[in-house]
């Protein structure tokens, strides 16, 4: 099977084509995902990010999966927006552990102007360390997105979560269109997009197809595509829901890689419950980014020592993002040092 970059980097995917990917024999699907992956990335390198909750709890949204929602009694303690110095110190520690992108999340519907001033200072402080910055702050208007870009923000995370059809069963306080509008503001401001979804919320395969179709027909594709496996938190409406078949999770990762070949496909929430074998299958299917650290926002993550051991066992190494005279630029605009991106 011979692929070219031009043939694989498309934005005109149809529902029928995405459905057909999910119906492929498992080994054939992974073979195709690997073939596409190798056109754009070194398959032995993994991009490593760190995630810090900079404002915790009392979110006015009713997202059924989220322990930070004010609608759910999860026992989570509310914490105010962190001071700039606290965040920068956390970023320094992450950089010392080998992390190159520092992601920060705040439990808001949208930031207020008084909060945005501190957020801008935080971005400048982390950027001064030589790290990439990513924020997730809820909904943004056009002016807020421009301010974040001017402060130096590299990525903005705003997940679609699921398909348009299933969305209303998970969230009622903001619409799918609200999310798309925030993504439009981010794009128009010149910030890279980090956008994916959550699997295992009771959705059907048609909803996983619908989510990927939404992402794969964006032009350009999101530069980062987080694929989350639901972390069931006591006190949330999705606690106790039937768990997703692990191989279906891998199928979704592989389909995402084929549909968005130049994007970083990130194993995000839920890794703490995954076996090494399942994670290895996800890397084989084209996942090439993870969150590193013992905690993701308010839920546990795989211990860093376990990640290092797994990388060694699989022969994987960290992707190094640098401004370098020998850098390679992928179709997504992401720069990697050397011809093999590491």
Protein backbone atom coordinates (compact mmCIF):
# COMPACT_ATOMS: atom_id res chain seq x y z
CA UNK A 1 0.00 0.00 0.00
CA UNK A 2 1.59 3.24 -1.18
CA UNK A 3 0.41 6.51 0.31
CA UNK A 4 1.51 10.07 -0.33
CA UNK A 5 1.09 13.06 1.98
CA UNK A 6 -1.11 14.82 -0.55
CA UNK A 7 -3.47 11.85 -0.78
CA UNK A 8 -3.80 11.35 2.95
CA UNK A 9 -4.12 14.94 4.17
CA UNK A 10 -7.78 15.58 3.38
CA UNK A 11 -10.64 17.65 4.77
CA UNK A 12 -13.47 16.23 2.65
CA UNK A 13 -14.08 12.96 4.49
CA UNK A 14 -17.60 11.55 4.36
CA UNK A 15 -19.51 9.70 7.07
CA UNK A 16 -19.47 6.58 4.90
CA UNK A 17 -15.68 6.68 4.65
CA UNK A 18 -15.25 7.06 8.41
CA UNK A 19 -17.71 4.24 9.08
CA UNK A 20 -15.79 2.05 6.65
CA UNK A 21 -12.59 2.55 8.66
CA UNK A 22 -14.29 1.23 11.80
CA UNK A 23 -15.51 -1.84 9.89
CA UNK A 24 -12.04 -2.86 8.71
CA UNK A 25 -10.48 -5.98 10.25
CA UNK A 26 -8.51 -4.84 13.29
CA UNK A 27 -5.10 -5.77 11.86
CA UNK A 28 -5.85 -4.06 8.54
CA UNK A 29 -6.95 -0.88 10.30
CA UNK A 30 -3.73 -0.76 12.35
CA UNK A 31 -1.65 -1.45 9.24
CA UNK A 32 -3.21 1.49 7.43
CA UNK A 33 -2.82 3.74 10.46
CA UNK A 34 0.85 2.83 10.73
CA UNK A 35 1.45 3.49 7.04
CA UNK A 36 -0.08 6.95 7.31
CA UNK A 37 1.65 7.72 10.60
CA UNK A 38 5.09 7.07 9.09
CA UNK A 39 4.49 9.63 6.34
CA UNK A 40 4.33 12.45 8.86
CA UNK A 41 6.11 11.32 12.04
CA UNK A 42 8.84 9.12 13.42
CA UNK A 43 6.74 6.24 14.85
CA UNK A 44 9.21 5.74 17.70
CA UNK A 45 8.86 9.27 19.12
CA UNK A 46 6.24 10.52 21.58
CA UNK A 47 5.43 14.14 22.37
CA UNK A 48 5.16 14.74 26.12
CA UNK A 49 2.97 17.40 27.74
CA UNK A 50 2.12 18.24 31.34
CA UNK A 51 -1.25 19.46 32.61
CA UNK A 52 -1.91 21.67 35.63
CA UNK A 53 -5.25 22.74 37.08
CA UNK A 54 -4.80 26.44 37.78
CA UNK A 55 -8.37 27.06 39.02
CA UNK A 56 -10.41 24.23 40.54
CA UNK A 57 -14.11 23.52 41.00
CA UNK A 58 -17.46 25.36 41.05
CA UNK A 59 -17.77 25.38 37.27
CA UNK A 60 -21.27 26.51 36.21
CA UNK A 61 -21.40 23.95 33.37
CA UNK A 62 -23.19 20.61 33.89
CA UNK A 63 -20.86 18.31 31.92
CA UNK A 64 -21.87 14.84 33.13
CA UNK A 65 -18.31 13.52 33.20
CA UNK A 66 -16.70 16.37 35.13
CA UNK A 67 -15.98 16.36 38.88
CA UNK A 68 -15.46 20.14 38.76
CA UNK A 69 -19.09 20.90 37.85
CA UNK A 70 -21.06 22.78 40.52
CA UNK A 71 -23.98 20.48 39.61
CA UNK A 72 -22.24 17.36 40.99
CA UNK A 73 -21.42 16.45 44.58
CA UNK A 74 -17.96 14.91 44.25
CA UNK A 75 -16.37 16.33 47.39
CA UNK A 76 -13.93 18.37 45.34
CA UNK A 77 -12.63 21.45 47.13
CA UNK A 78 -12.84 24.72 45.24
CA UNK A 79 -9.54 26.53 44.69
CA UNK A 80 -9.07 30.06 43.37
CA UNK A 81 -6.96 30.95 40.35
CA UNK A 82 -3.32 30.30 41.17
CA UNK A 83 -0.78 33.10 41.41
CA UNK A 84 1.59 33.61 38.51
CA UNK A 85 4.64 32.57 40.50
CA UNK A 86 3.03 29.30 41.59
CA UNK A 87 2.25 28.31 38.00
CA UNK A 88 5.71 29.24 36.74
CA UNK A 89 7.34 27.14 39.47
CA UNK A 90 5.19 24.16 38.44
CA UNK A 91 6.20 24.72 34.82
CA UNK A 92 9.88 24.78 35.81
CA UNK A 93 9.46 21.41 37.53
CA UNK A 94 7.73 19.99 34.46
CA UNK A 95 10.51 21.23 32.20
CA UNK A 96 13.10 19.66 34.47
CA UNK A 97 11.36 16.30 33.99
CA UNK A 98 11.62 16.61 30.21
CA UNK A 99 8.23 18.10 29.34
CA UNK A 100 8.16 20.56 26.42
CA UNK A 101 4.51 21.67 26.44
CA UNK A 102 2.83 22.99 29.57
CA UNK A 103 -0.96 22.86 29.54
CA UNK A 104 -3.12 24.75 32.04
CA UNK A 105 -6.82 24.38 32.77
CA UNK A 106 -9.31 26.53 34.66
CA UNK A 107 -12.84 25.48 35.64
CA UNK A 108 -14.78 28.33 34.09
CA UNK A 109 -17.63 28.79 31.66
CA UNK A 110 -15.48 31.62 30.30
CA UNK A 111 -12.79 33.84 31.84
CA UNK A 112 -13.54 37.34 33.12
CA UNK A 113 -11.41 40.32 32.17
CA UNK A 114 -9.85 40.50 35.63
CA UNK A 115 -8.84 36.82 35.36
CA UNK A 116 -7.52 37.26 31.84
CA UNK A 117 -4.88 39.75 33.00
CA UNK A 118 -3.37 37.13 35.31
CA UNK A 119 -3.71 34.46 32.62
CA UNK A 120 -1.73 36.66 30.22
CA UNK A 121 1.03 37.05 32.82
CA UNK A 122 1.08 33.29 33.37
CA UNK A 123 1.47 32.65 29.64
CA UNK A 124 4.36 35.11 29.42
CA UNK A 125 6.03 33.52 32.45
CA UNK A 126 5.84 29.98 31.09
CA UNK A 127 6.91 31.08 27.60
CA UNK A 128 9.98 32.70 29.14
CA UNK A 129 11.08 29.19 30.21
CA UNK A 130 11.24 28.14 26.55
CA UNK A 131 8.16 25.91 26.78
CA UNK A 132 5.10 25.68 24.56
CA UNK A 133 1.93 26.87 26.26
CA UNK A 134 -1.62 25.50 26.09
CA UNK A 135 -4.71 26.76 27.91
CA UNK A 136 -8.25 25.49 28.42
CA UNK A 137 -10.45 28.18 29.94
CA UNK A 138 -13.91 27.45 28.59
CA UNK A 139 -15.58 29.63 25.97
CA UNK A 140 -13.75 32.60 24.44
CA UNK A 141 -14.97 35.55 22.41
CA UNK A 142 -12.90 37.00 19.59
CA UNK A 143 -11.26 39.71 21.69
CA UNK A 144 -10.25 37.28 24.45
CA UNK A 145 -8.65 34.97 21.89
CA UNK A 146 -6.67 37.88 20.45
CA UNK A 147 -5.42 38.82 23.91
CA UNK A 148 -4.23 35.28 24.59
CA UNK A 149 -2.44 35.19 21.25
CA UNK A 150 -0.75 38.51 21.95
CA UNK A 151 0.47 37.13 25.28
CA UNK A 152 2.15 34.28 23.39
CA UNK A 153 -0.28 31.36 23.77
CA UNK A 154 0.62 28.51 21.41
CA UNK A 155 -2.40 26.17 21.78
CA UNK A 156 -5.95 26.43 23.02
CA UNK A 157 -7.77 23.27 24.11
CA UNK A 158 -11.52 23.14 23.61
CA UNK A 159 -12.88 19.64 23.10
CA UNK A 160 -16.05 18.81 21.20
CA UNK A 161 -16.40 15.82 23.56
CA UNK A 162 -18.66 13.70 21.32
CA UNK A 163 -20.89 13.81 18.25
CA UNK A 164 -23.44 16.61 17.75
CA UNK A 165 -26.24 14.04 18.09
CA UNK A 166 -25.09 12.63 21.46
CA UNK A 167 -23.84 15.90 22.92
CA UNK A 168 -27.14 16.96 24.52
CA UNK A 169 -27.25 13.85 26.70
CA UNK A 170 -23.94 14.85 28.30
CA UNK A 171 -24.09 18.66 28.47
CA UNK A 172 -27.04 21.06 28.50
CA UNK A 173 -25.52 24.36 29.67
CA UNK A 174 -23.62 25.12 26.47
CA UNK A 175 -24.35 24.10 22.91
CA UNK A 176 -22.25 22.34 20.31
CA UNK A 177 -22.35 25.55 18.29
CA UNK A 178 -20.92 27.43 21.29
CA UNK A 179 -17.92 25.14 21.16
CA UNK A 180 -17.48 25.56 17.42
CA UNK A 181 -17.65 29.35 17.83
CA UNK A 182 -14.85 29.31 20.42
CA UNK A 183 -12.73 27.21 18.06
CA UNK A 184 -13.39 29.71 15.28
CA UNK A 185 -12.27 32.60 17.47
CA UNK A 186 -9.11 30.72 18.41
CA UNK A 187 -8.26 29.95 14.79
CA UNK A 188 -8.92 33.50 13.63
CA UNK A 189 -6.62 34.79 16.39
CA UNK A 190 -3.77 32.63 15.08
CA UNK A 191 -3.62 30.15 17.97
CA UNK A 192 -3.16 26.43 17.27
CA UNK A 193 -6.12 24.21 18.14
CA UNK A 194 -6.14 21.27 20.55
CA UNK A 195 -9.51 19.54 20.13
CA UNK A 196 -10.73 15.99 20.65
CA UNK A 197 -13.26 14.09 22.69
CA UNK A 198 -14.11 11.58 25.38
CA UNK A 199 -14.92 7.92 24.72
CA UNK A 200 -16.90 5.63 26.98
CA UNK A 201 -19.69 8.02 27.99
CA UNK A 202 -22.40 5.64 26.80
CA UNK A 203 -22.19 6.76 23.20
CA UNK A 204 -22.54 4.34 20.28
CA UNK A 205 -20.04 3.75 17.50
CA UNK A 206 -22.02 6.14 15.27
CA UNK A 207 -21.20 8.88 17.78
CA UNK A 208 -17.50 8.10 17.69
CA UNK A 209 -17.77 8.27 13.91
CA UNK A 210 -19.62 11.58 14.21
CA UNK A 211 -16.99 13.09 16.51
CA UNK A 212 -14.11 12.14 14.22
CA UNK A 213 -16.00 13.40 11.19
CA UNK A 214 -16.41 16.80 12.84
CA UNK A 215 -12.68 16.98 13.59
CA UNK A 216 -11.47 15.58 10.27
CA UNK A 217 -13.48 18.02 8.17
CA UNK A 218 -12.06 21.06 9.96
CA UNK A 219 -9.66 23.00 7.77
CA UNK A 220 -7.02 22.91 9.01
CA UNK A 221 -7.26 19.89 11.28
CA UNK A 222 -6.63 20.46 14.99
CA UNK A 223 -2.88 20.36 15.56
CA UNK A 224 -3.48 18.21 18.65
CA UNK A 225 -6.30 15.68 19.02
CA UNK A 226 -6.76 14.41 22.61
CA UNK A 227 -8.51 11.04 22.82
CA UNK A 228 -9.81 10.64 26.37
CA UNK A 229 -11.15 7.49 27.96
CA UNK A 230 -13.82 8.39 30.51
CA UNK A 231 -12.58 8.45 34.09
CA UNK A 232 -15.61 7.54 36.16
CA UNK A 233 -15.70 9.82 39.21
CA UNK A 234 -17.94 9.14 42.20
CA UNK A 235 -20.72 11.69 42.34
CA UNK A 236 -20.90 12.37 38.60
CA UNK A 237 -23.86 11.14 36.51
CA UNK A 238 -21.60 8.85 34.46
CA UNK A 239 -20.33 6.93 37.46
CA UNK A 240 -21.02 3.21 36.94
CA UNK A 241 -21.72 3.41 33.22
CA UNK A 242 -20.73 0.37 31.13
CA UNK A 243 -17.08 0.59 30.21
CA UNK A 244 -15.94 0.85 26.60
CA UNK A 245 -14.40 -2.20 24.89
CA UNK A 246 -10.63 -1.47 24.89
CA UNK A 247 -10.26 -2.60 21.28
CA UNK A 248 -12.94 -0.11 20.26
CA UNK A 249 -10.84 2.58 21.91
CA UNK A 250 -7.84 1.47 19.83
CA UNK A 251 -9.98 1.48 16.68
CA UNK A 252 -10.93 5.09 17.36
CA UNK A 253 -7.28 6.09 17.84
CA UNK A 254 -6.34 4.39 14.57
CA UNK A 255 -9.18 6.06 12.70
CA UNK A 256 -8.15 9.44 14.11
CA UNK A 257 -4.60 8.88 12.87
CA UNK A 258 -5.77 8.04 9.34
CA UNK A 259 -8.23 10.94 9.18
CA UNK A 260 -5.84 13.55 10.65
CA UNK A 261 -2.40 12.25 9.69
CA UNK A 262 -0.38 15.37 10.50
CA UNK A 263 -1.95 15.97 13.91
CA UNK A 264 -0.56 14.87 17.25
CA UNK A 265 -3.00 12.22 18.54
CA UNK A 266 -2.78 12.28 22.32
CA UNK A 267 -3.64 9.58 24.83
CA UNK A 268 -5.14 11.81 27.49
CA UNK A 269 -7.39 11.02 30.46
CA UNK A 270 -7.91 7.37 31.34
CA UNK A 271 -4.36 6.10 30.90
CA UNK A 272 -4.16 5.32 34.60
CA UNK A 273 -6.63 2.48 34.06
CA UNK A 274 -5.02 1.18 30.85
CA UNK A 275 -2.69 -1.79 30.79
CA UNK A 276 0.75 -1.44 29.23
CA UNK A 277 -0.47 -3.69 26.44
CA UNK A 278 -3.43 -1.44 25.66
CA UNK A 279 -1.22 1.64 25.60
CA UNK A 280 1.22 -0.16 23.31
CA UNK A 281 -1.63 -0.94 20.91
CA UNK A 282 -2.62 2.73 20.94
CA UNK A 283 0.94 3.76 20.04
CA UNK A 284 0.90 1.15 17.28
CA UNK A 285 -2.39 2.66 16.08
CA UNK A 286 -0.77 6.08 15.73
CA UNK A 287 -1.05 7.81 19.10
CA UNK A 288 2.10 9.90 19.50
CA UNK A 289 1.48 12.19 22.46
CA UNK A 290 0.72 11.74 26.16
CA UNK A 291 0.16 13.77 29.28
CA UNK A 292 3.00 13.16 31.71
CA UNK A 293 2.65 13.46 35.47
CA UNK A 294 0.82 11.80 38.34
CA UNK A 295 -2.35 13.91 38.02
CA UNK A 296 -4.56 15.28 35.23
CA UNK A 297 -6.54 18.26 36.50
CA UNK A 298 -8.34 16.48 39.39
CA UNK A 299 -8.03 12.80 38.42
CA UNK A 300 -5.09 10.37 38.67
CA UNK A 301 -2.70 9.73 35.79
CA UNK A 302 -0.09 7.05 35.17
CA UNK A 303 2.95 7.51 37.40
CA UNK A 304 5.90 9.08 35.62
CA UNK A 305 8.21 6.20 36.54
CA UNK A 306 5.80 3.75 34.92
CA UNK A 307 5.77 5.83 31.74
CA UNK A 308 9.56 5.84 31.56
CA UNK A 309 9.69 2.07 32.00
CA UNK A 310 7.05 1.56 29.31
CA UNK A 311 8.93 3.83 26.90
CA UNK A 312 12.09 1.81 27.50
CA UNK A 313 10.30 -1.51 26.97
CA UNK A 314 8.75 -0.29 23.72
CA UNK A 315 11.85 1.48 22.42
CA UNK A 316 10.08 4.84 22.36
CA UNK A 317 11.71 8.20 22.94
CA UNK A 318 10.51 11.71 23.59
CA UNK A 319 9.79 13.98 20.67
CA UNK A 320 11.89 17.13 20.90
CA UNK A 321 10.31 20.36 19.71
CA UNK A 322 12.87 23.03 18.94
CA UNK A 323 13.63 25.95 16.72
CA UNK A 324 16.56 24.39 14.92
CA UNK A 325 18.21 25.01 11.51
CA UNK A 326 17.61 21.32 10.65
CA UNK A 327 13.97 21.29 11.73
CA UNK A 328 11.30 19.50 9.77
CA UNK A 329 7.88 21.10 9.45
CA UNK A 330 4.88 18.78 9.21
CA UNK A 331 1.75 19.69 7.32
CA UNK A 332 0.21 20.75 10.62
CA UNK A 333 2.87 23.42 11.08
CA UNK A 334 4.56 21.65 14.03
CA UNK A 335 8.33 21.86 14.08
CA UNK A 336 10.57 18.93 15.03
CA UNK A 337 14.33 18.78 15.16
CA UNK A 338 16.08 16.69 12.52
CA UNK A 339 14.79 14.51 9.69
CA UNK A 340 13.17 12.06 12.11
CA UNK A 341 11.53 14.76 14.25
CA UNK A 342 13.57 13.93 17.36
